[in-house]
Amino acid sequence: MTTGNIPGPPSPAKGPICIIGASGRSGAALCRVLLAEGQKIIAVVRSQGNLAPDIAEACQAVRIADLTDSATLTLAFEDAAVIINTAHARHLPAILAATKAPIVALGSTRKFTHWPDDHGRGVLAGEAALKADGRPSIILHPTMIYGAQGEDNVQRLAKLLERLPIIPLPGGGRALVQPIDQRDVTRCLVSAIHLIQNGNVTGPESIVIAGPTAMAYRTFVRMVLYFAELGGRPIVSLPGWTLMALSHLTRHIRRLPQIAPEEIRRLLEDKNFDIGPMEQRLGVIPVPLANGLHHLFGSRMHQKQEP
């Protein structure tokens, strides 16, 4: 859902948009929306074979580049008016060194964790590089993203819940989560691009993007059970250290999604955020979780019922 404040699309004549990670979930979704707007797209991927055929055919160019190989980046970004990085934010220093174009990037709210890991530290490093560079740029920090085809958050959780007679949660699942629908992530990226194309960004900006309401993880689990039509399951509270130890067993149980101890630990900290800047600066009002889950699992049920 968007508000009337979202900046409209500028003339595509301002130059092509270079999308790094166009073959990924967020990158592919963004490509399709921008192509529908009539924007010219340069898709940057590590392997052309991973890019969806409809996107490859519609793009102005498809360029192969390795974000760890600076020699390939300058050519990949040639002629781009705006660079969009949907790959990991750790690559932003290399991207900044290879182009003078404005940048829109995806970060992650993992940067706020009390237990920093390589992912979170990479996001912080990328954001710091943008701030130090000073050029017009926007980095968006999404919470848990759900709803994309093949995403491994809600859909992997549903597969796990389907196989468990009881749901063991650390601390009873009382910590807060605030998931965001992939469609809202795409809307936020598009809005950020429009802001830059219209000259409404003068320096680095950092914006958290999340769902409309934080809720206890146990409530989130119950909503997934309901919309995935998996029935009820009793929720059992266990200490985090116990579940972290048991998570190693998922490597050895067939048909059970693997869970890392770090994932269990992150379920012990609250992830609730102010979305005022998202709504006011980007003009995007996120869809409620119930709507997003209905869309996700309703689409899956429809696909199963097709002959």
Protein backbone atom coordinates (compact mmCIF):
# COMPACT_ATOMS: atom_id res chain seq x y z
CA MET A 1 0.00 0.00 0.00
CA THR A 2 1.27 3.44 -0.81
CA THR A 3 0.20 6.94 0.07
CA GLY A 4 -0.28 9.91 -2.19
CA ASN A 5 3.10 11.29 -1.06
CA ILE A 6 5.19 8.77 -2.95
CA PRO A 7 7.19 10.52 -5.67
CA GLY A 8 6.01 9.67 -9.16
CA PRO A 9 8.28 8.06 -11.74
CA PRO A 10 10.50 10.50 -13.59
CA SER A 11 11.17 10.42 -17.30
CA PRO A 12 13.14 7.28 -18.22
CA ALA A 13 15.32 9.56 -20.39
CA LYS A 14 17.37 10.45 -17.28
CA GLY A 15 19.46 7.35 -17.85
CA PRO A 16 19.41 3.62 -17.18
CA ILE A 17 19.17 2.12 -13.73
CA CYS A 18 21.81 -0.46 -12.91
CA ILE A 19 20.49 -3.24 -10.65
CA ILE A 20 23.09 -5.35 -8.90
CA GLY A 21 21.71 -8.75 -7.98
CA ALA A 22 18.98 -8.71 -10.63
CA SER A 23 18.70 -12.50 -10.47
CA GLY A 24 17.94 -12.51 -6.74
CA ARG A 25 14.51 -12.30 -5.13
CA SER A 26 14.53 -8.59 -4.34
CA GLY A 27 16.43 -7.71 -7.50
CA ALA A 28 14.10 -9.62 -9.81
CA ALA A 29 10.97 -8.16 -8.20
CA LEU A 30 12.42 -4.66 -8.56
CA CYS A 31 13.38 -5.22 -12.20
CA ARG A 32 9.85 -6.21 -13.14
CA VAL A 33 8.28 -3.17 -11.49
CA LEU A 34 10.75 -0.73 -13.06
CA LEU A 35 10.43 -2.32 -16.49
CA ALA A 36 6.65 -1.94 -16.20
CA GLU A 37 7.25 1.78 -15.55
CA GLY A 38 9.21 2.02 -18.78
CA GLN A 39 12.57 2.46 -17.09
CA LYS A 40 15.74 1.33 -18.85
CA ILE A 41 17.49 -1.38 -16.84
CA ILE A 42 21.04 -2.68 -16.80
CA ALA A 43 21.04 -6.02 -14.97
CA VAL A 44 24.28 -6.94 -13.22
CA VAL A 45 24.60 -10.62 -12.28
CA ARG A 46 27.35 -13.12 -11.56
CA SER A 47 25.92 -15.56 -14.10
CA GLN A 48 23.51 -14.74 -16.90
CA GLY A 49 21.99 -18.19 -16.64
CA ASN A 50 20.47 -17.27 -13.27
CA LEU A 51 18.56 -14.27 -14.64
CA ALA A 52 14.87 -14.82 -15.39
CA PRO A 53 14.36 -14.96 -19.19
CA ASP A 54 11.63 -12.30 -19.20
CA ILE A 55 13.93 -9.87 -17.38
CA ALA A 56 16.94 -10.66 -19.57
CA GLU A 57 14.90 -10.02 -22.71
CA ALA A 58 13.47 -6.70 -21.50
CA CYS A 59 16.66 -5.18 -20.07
CA GLN A 60 18.74 -2.68 -22.01
CA ALA A 61 21.81 -4.73 -21.11
CA VAL A 62 22.86 -7.71 -19.01
CA ARG A 63 26.38 -7.45 -17.63
CA ILE A 64 28.42 -10.06 -15.79
CA ALA A 65 30.42 -8.89 -12.79
CA ASP A 66 31.92 -10.23 -9.60
CA LEU A 67 31.53 -7.77 -6.73
CA THR A 68 34.78 -9.03 -5.24
CA ASP A 69 36.66 -8.24 -8.47
CA SER A 70 36.98 -4.46 -8.81
CA ALA A 71 38.27 -4.77 -12.38
CA THR A 72 34.82 -5.87 -13.60
CA LEU A 73 32.77 -3.26 -11.76
CA THR A 74 33.60 -0.06 -13.65
CA LEU A 75 32.55 -1.62 -16.95
CA ALA A 76 29.43 -3.12 -15.39
CA PHE A 77 28.29 0.29 -14.14
CA GLU A 78 29.14 2.25 -17.30
CA ASP A 79 26.45 4.80 -18.35
CA ALA A 80 24.25 4.04 -15.32
CA ALA A 81 22.42 7.04 -13.86
CA VAL A 82 21.61 5.27 -10.59
CA ILE A 83 23.10 2.14 -9.02
CA ILE A 84 20.84 -0.19 -7.03
CA ASN A 85 22.54 -2.77 -4.83
CA THR A 86 20.26 -5.63 -3.79
CA ALA A 87 23.30 -7.79 -2.97
CA HIS A 88 24.86 -7.70 0.48
CA ALA A 89 25.76 -4.23 1.74
CA ARG A 90 29.32 -5.38 2.49
CA HIS A 91 30.07 -4.76 -1.19
CA LEU A 92 29.25 -1.04 -1.03
CA PRO A 93 32.86 0.17 -0.59
CA ALA A 94 33.85 -1.56 -3.85
CA ILE A 95 30.74 -0.26 -5.62
CA LEU A 96 31.42 3.30 -4.48
CA ALA A 97 34.99 3.07 -5.77
CA ALA A 98 33.80 1.94 -9.22
CA THR A 99 31.16 4.62 -9.94
CA LYS A 100 30.20 8.20 -9.12
CA ALA A 101 26.48 7.52 -9.63
CA PRO A 102 23.96 7.90 -6.78
CA ILE A 103 23.21 4.67 -4.95
CA VAL A 104 20.20 2.92 -3.43
CA ALA A 105 21.09 -0.14 -1.37
CA LEU A 106 19.52 -2.82 0.76
CA GLY A 107 21.00 -3.25 4.22
CA SER A 108 19.41 -5.12 7.10
CA THR A 109 18.14 -4.51 10.62
CA ARG A 110 20.67 -7.18 11.58
CA LYS A 111 22.95 -4.19 12.14
CA PHE A 112 21.08 -3.59 15.43
CA THR A 113 21.67 -7.07 16.89
CA HIS A 114 23.29 -7.45 20.29
CA TRP A 115 25.25 -10.40 18.89
CA PRO A 116 27.14 -9.03 15.87
CA ASP A 117 28.02 -11.49 13.12
CA ASP A 118 29.63 -11.19 9.70
CA HIS A 119 26.28 -10.27 8.14
CA GLY A 120 25.58 -7.45 10.58
CA ARG A 121 29.14 -6.16 10.53
CA GLY A 122 29.06 -6.11 6.73
CA VAL A 123 25.89 -4.01 6.78
CA LEU A 124 27.47 -1.55 9.21
CA ALA A 125 30.60 -1.30 7.07
CA GLY A 126 28.53 -0.65 3.94
CA GLU A 127 26.47 2.04 5.64
CA ALA A 128 29.59 3.68 7.03
CA ALA A 129 31.11 3.77 3.54
CA LEU A 130 28.01 5.52 2.16
CA LYS A 131 28.10 8.12 4.93
CA ALA A 132 31.81 8.76 4.47
CA ASP A 133 31.40 9.11 0.69
CA GLY A 134 28.67 11.74 1.04
CA ARG A 135 27.00 11.33 -2.35
CA PRO A 136 23.18 11.18 -2.70
CA SER A 137 22.29 7.71 -1.49
CA ILE A 138 19.64 5.79 0.44
CA ILE A 139 20.23 2.55 2.30
CA LEU A 140 17.10 0.69 3.34
CA HIS A 141 17.27 -1.67 6.31
CA PRO A 142 14.49 -4.28 6.09
CA THR A 143 13.42 -6.55 8.90
CA MET A 144 12.65 -10.20 8.12
CA ILE A 145 11.38 -10.30 4.51
CA TYR A 146 8.62 -12.73 3.59
CA GLY A 147 6.42 -13.33 0.58
CA ALA A 148 8.95 -13.66 -2.25
CA GLN A 149 8.98 -16.80 -4.34
CA GLY A 150 11.40 -19.23 -2.71
CA GLU A 151 12.13 -17.06 0.35
CA ASP A 152 13.51 -18.97 3.31
CA ASN A 153 11.90 -17.16 6.21
CA VAL A 154 8.15 -17.76 6.45
CA GLN A 155 8.07 -20.56 3.89
CA ARG A 156 10.89 -22.46 5.58
CA LEU A 157 9.18 -21.89 8.95
CA ALA A 158 5.95 -23.34 7.56
CA LYS A 159 7.81 -26.47 6.39
CA LEU A 160 9.29 -26.87 9.85
CA LEU A 161 5.96 -26.33 11.63
CA GLU A 162 4.32 -28.91 9.39
CA ARG A 163 6.63 -31.59 10.80
CA LEU A 164 6.52 -30.65 14.48
CA PRO A 165 3.77 -31.90 16.82
CA ILE A 166 4.73 -29.20 19.34
CA ILE A 167 6.45 -25.85 18.81
CA PRO A 168 9.45 -25.30 21.12
CA LEU A 169 10.31 -21.60 21.32
CA PRO A 170 13.09 -19.89 23.28
CA GLY A 171 11.63 -17.89 26.13
CA GLY A 172 8.17 -18.94 25.01
CA GLY A 173 8.48 -16.81 21.86
CA ARG A 174 7.80 -13.55 23.66
CA ALA A 175 10.43 -11.49 21.82
CA LEU A 176 9.04 -9.10 19.22
CA VAL A 177 9.27 -9.39 15.43
CA GLN A 178 8.05 -7.06 12.68
CA PRO A 179 8.23 -8.87 9.30
CA ILE A 180 7.89 -6.98 6.03
CA ASP A 181 6.23 -8.20 2.83
CA GLN A 182 8.51 -8.45 -0.21
CA ARG A 183 6.05 -6.28 -2.13
CA ASP A 184 6.60 -3.47 0.39
CA VAL A 185 10.37 -3.86 0.08
CA THR A 186 9.99 -3.40 -3.67
CA ARG A 187 7.77 -0.34 -3.19
CA CYS A 188 10.34 1.19 -0.85
CA LEU A 189 13.15 0.60 -3.33
CA VAL A 190 11.12 2.13 -6.15
CA SER A 191 10.27 5.17 -4.02
CA ALA A 192 13.93 5.65 -3.07
CA ILE A 193 14.90 5.47 -6.75
CA HIS A 194 12.29 8.08 -7.65
CA LEU A 195 13.54 10.38 -4.88
CA ILE A 196 17.06 10.22 -6.27
CA GLN A 197 15.99 10.58 -9.90
CA ASN A 198 13.89 13.61 -9.04
CA GLY A 199 16.82 15.26 -7.23
CA ASN A 200 15.22 15.02 -3.78
CA VAL A 201 18.24 13.39 -2.10
CA THR A 202 21.29 15.51 -1.31
CA GLY A 203 23.36 13.17 0.84
CA PRO A 204 23.38 9.74 2.50
CA GLU A 205 20.14 8.61 4.15
CA SER A 206 19.41 5.49 6.20
CA ILE A 207 15.82 4.25 6.63
CA VAL A 208 14.46 1.20 8.43
CA ILE A 209 11.63 -0.55 6.58
CA ALA A 210 9.38 -2.99 8.43
CA GLY A 211 5.85 -4.28 8.79
CA PRO A 212 3.21 -2.05 10.39
CA THR A 213 3.14 -3.68 13.82
CA ALA A 214 5.55 -5.58 16.04
CA MET A 215 4.22 -8.76 17.63
CA ALA A 216 5.44 -11.58 19.83
CA TYR A 217 7.15 -14.33 17.85
CA ARG A 218 4.65 -16.85 19.25
CA THR A 219 1.82 -14.80 17.71
CA PHE A 220 3.71 -14.73 14.41
CA VAL A 221 4.05 -18.53 14.53
CA ARG A 222 0.34 -18.98 15.22
CA MET A 223 -0.51 -16.74 12.27
CA VAL A 224 1.73 -18.79 9.98
CA LEU A 225 0.04 -21.99 11.22
CA TYR A 226 -3.37 -20.49 10.53
CA PHE A 227 -2.74 -19.08 7.06
CA ALA A 228 -0.74 -22.14 5.97
CA GLU A 229 -3.71 -24.26 7.12
CA LEU A 230 -1.53 -26.41 9.36
CA GLY A 231 -3.90 -26.51 12.32
CA GLY A 232 -3.05 -25.77 15.93
CA ARG A 233 0.11 -26.76 17.75
CA PRO A 234 0.95 -26.34 21.43
CA ILE A 235 3.81 -23.92 22.07
CA VAL A 236 6.39 -25.01 24.64
CA SER A 237 8.82 -22.61 26.27
CA LEU A 238 12.44 -23.81 26.45
CA PRO A 239 15.68 -22.06 27.39
CA GLY A 240 17.53 -20.61 24.44
CA TRP A 241 20.68 -22.62 25.17
CA THR A 242 18.70 -25.87 25.00
CA LEU A 243 17.26 -25.07 21.59
CA MET A 244 20.63 -23.88 20.31
CA ALA A 245 22.11 -27.26 21.30
CA LEU A 246 19.21 -29.15 19.70
CA SER A 247 19.47 -27.10 16.49
CA HIS A 248 22.57 -29.09 15.53
CA LEU A 249 20.35 -32.16 15.16
CA THR A 250 18.47 -30.61 12.24
CA ARG A 251 21.52 -31.32 10.07
CA HIS A 252 20.93 -35.04 10.50
CA ILE A 253 17.13 -35.27 10.21
CA ARG A 254 15.91 -35.69 6.65
CA ARG A 255 13.13 -33.41 5.38
CA LEU A 256 13.63 -31.05 8.30
CA PRO A 257 14.89 -27.53 7.46
CA GLN A 258 18.28 -26.83 9.00
CA ILE A 259 18.36 -24.27 11.82
CA ALA A 260 21.56 -22.57 12.95
CA PRO A 261 22.18 -21.82 16.64
CA GLU A 262 22.55 -18.14 15.72
CA GLU A 263 18.98 -18.12 14.41
CA ILE A 264 17.72 -19.38 17.77
CA ARG A 265 19.71 -16.76 19.63
CA ARG A 266 18.27 -13.95 17.49
CA LEU A 267 14.79 -15.07 18.55
CA LEU A 268 15.64 -13.89 22.07
CA GLU A 269 15.96 -10.20 21.18
CA ASP A 270 13.18 -7.76 20.30
CA LYS A 271 13.04 -6.53 16.72
CA ASN A 272 10.54 -3.67 16.77
CA PHE A 273 11.12 -0.45 14.84
CA ASP A 274 9.64 2.96 14.16
CA ILE A 275 8.31 3.05 10.59
CA GLY A 276 7.50 6.76 10.62
CA PRO A 277 10.45 7.60 8.32
CA MET A 278 9.42 4.80 5.96
CA GLU A 279 5.88 6.14 5.70
CA GLN A 280 6.79 9.83 5.58
CA ARG A 281 9.97 9.84 3.48
CA LEU A 282 9.14 6.96 1.15
CA GLY A 283 5.36 7.28 1.18
CA VAL A 284 4.90 3.53 1.75
CA ILE A 285 2.40 2.18 4.30
CA PRO A 286 3.19 -1.52 4.78
CA VAL A 287 0.54 -4.20 4.47
CA PRO A 288 -0.56 -5.94 7.69
CA LEU A 289 0.97 -9.36 8.27
CA ALA A 290 -2.42 -11.07 7.97
CA ASN A 291 -2.87 -9.61 4.48
CA GLY A 292 0.63 -10.61 3.46
CA LEU A 293 0.31 -14.18 4.73
CA HIS A 294 -3.08 -14.55 3.08
CA HIS A 295 -1.55 -13.43 -0.21
CA LEU A 296 1.45 -15.75 0.20
CA PHE A 297 -0.32 -18.94 1.22
CA GLY A 298 -3.43 -18.22 -0.82
CA SER A 299 -1.23 -18.12 -3.93
CA ARG A 300 0.44 -21.39 -2.90
CA MET A 301 -2.89 -23.14 -2.34
CA HIS A 302 -4.14 -21.93 -5.72
CA GLN A 303 -1.03 -23.33 -7.42
CA LYS A 304 -1.52 -26.70 -5.74
CA GLN A 305 -5.11 -26.89 -6.91
CA GLU A 306 -4.30 -26.18 -10.56
CA PRO A 307 -4.38 -29.34 -12.73
